[in-house]
């Protein structure tokens, strides 16, 4: 579990580095294209991990320990 957290954190950190380098604007075109591709790959990976985490949080246990999907009322109370 800790490895996934580190992977996500490392991916976000690397993505931030890529964005900063591209925003700076002094990267040669060929390198900028490769950085962009790497950034898109990292972005998709992070997005996928966040969606997976969200799906895990959407289901809650009721008082008897039965998994039940959260409703809009549950979200407002939380």
Protein backbone atom coordinates (compact mmCIF):
# COMPACT_ATOMS: atom_id res chain seq x y z
CA UNK A 1 0.00 0.00 0.00
CA UNK A 2 2.81 2.41 0.85
CA UNK A 3 4.42 1.75 -2.55
CA UNK A 4 1.26 2.92 -4.34
CA UNK A 5 1.18 6.08 -2.25
CA UNK A 6 4.83 6.73 -3.10
CA UNK A 7 4.19 5.97 -6.77
CA UNK A 8 1.34 8.49 -6.82
CA UNK A 9 3.35 11.12 -4.96
CA UNK A 10 6.38 10.54 -7.18
CA UNK A 11 4.21 10.75 -10.30
CA UNK A 12 2.67 14.04 -9.16
CA UNK A 13 6.11 15.42 -8.32
CA UNK A 14 7.51 14.43 -11.72
CA UNK A 15 4.44 15.86 -13.45
CA UNK A 16 4.96 19.17 -11.64
CA UNK A 17 8.60 19.20 -12.79
CA UNK A 18 7.54 18.59 -16.38
CA UNK A 19 4.92 21.34 -16.27
CA UNK A 20 7.45 23.79 -14.82
CA UNK A 21 10.00 22.93 -17.53
CA UNK A 22 7.42 23.34 -20.31
CA UNK A 23 6.10 26.60 -18.85
CA UNK A 24 9.64 27.97 -18.64
CA UNK A 25 9.77 27.66 -22.42
CA UNK A 26 13.50 27.07 -22.88
CA UNK A 27 13.21 23.36 -23.73
CA UNK A 28 14.09 22.37 -27.32
CA UNK A 29 11.06 21.33 -29.35
CA UNK A 30 11.98 17.64 -29.55
CA UNK A 31 12.53 17.50 -25.79
CA UNK A 32 9.31 19.42 -25.17
CA UNK A 33 7.36 16.85 -27.19
CA UNK A 34 8.88 13.98 -25.20
CA UNK A 35 8.20 15.79 -21.91
CA UNK A 36 4.62 16.40 -23.00
CA UNK A 37 4.13 12.71 -23.81
CA UNK A 38 5.62 11.68 -20.47
CA UNK A 39 3.42 14.22 -18.69
CA UNK A 40 0.28 12.90 -20.38
CA UNK A 41 1.19 9.33 -19.38
CA UNK A 42 1.74 10.41 -15.77
CA UNK A 43 -1.49 12.42 -15.79
CA UNK A 44 -3.51 9.44 -17.02
CA UNK A 45 -1.92 7.18 -14.42
CA UNK A 46 -2.66 9.60 -11.58
CA UNK A 47 -6.21 10.12 -12.82
CA UNK A 48 -6.76 6.36 -12.91
CA UNK A 49 -5.44 5.98 -9.35
CA UNK A 50 -7.71 8.79 -8.14
CA UNK A 51 -10.76 7.22 -9.82
CA UNK A 52 -9.96 3.88 -8.17
CA UNK A 53 -9.68 5.56 -4.76
CA UNK A 54 -12.95 7.40 -5.33
CA UNK A 55 -14.76 4.15 -6.16
CA UNK A 56 -13.48 2.66 -2.91
CA UNK A 57 -14.81 5.63 -0.95
CA UNK A 58 -18.21 5.65 -2.64
CA UNK A 59 -19.20 2.42 -0.91
CA UNK A 60 -19.74 2.62 2.82
CA UNK A 61 -20.63 0.04 5.42
CA UNK A 62 -23.91 0.31 7.25
CA UNK A 63 -24.32 -0.52 10.94
CA UNK A 64 -24.59 -4.27 10.22
CA UNK A 65 -21.38 -4.22 8.17
CA UNK A 66 -23.17 -4.46 4.83
CA UNK A 67 -21.65 -2.42 2.04
CA UNK A 68 -24.08 0.13 0.68
CA UNK A 69 -23.55 2.81 -1.95
CA UNK A 70 -23.50 6.36 -0.64
CA UNK A 71 -26.49 8.48 -1.57
CA UNK A 72 -26.58 12.23 -2.04
CA UNK A 73 -28.02 12.54 1.48
CA UNK A 74 -25.00 10.68 2.88
CA UNK A 75 -22.65 13.07 1.10
CA UNK A 76 -24.41 16.14 2.47
CA UNK A 77 -24.26 14.83 6.04
CA UNK A 78 -20.55 13.93 5.85
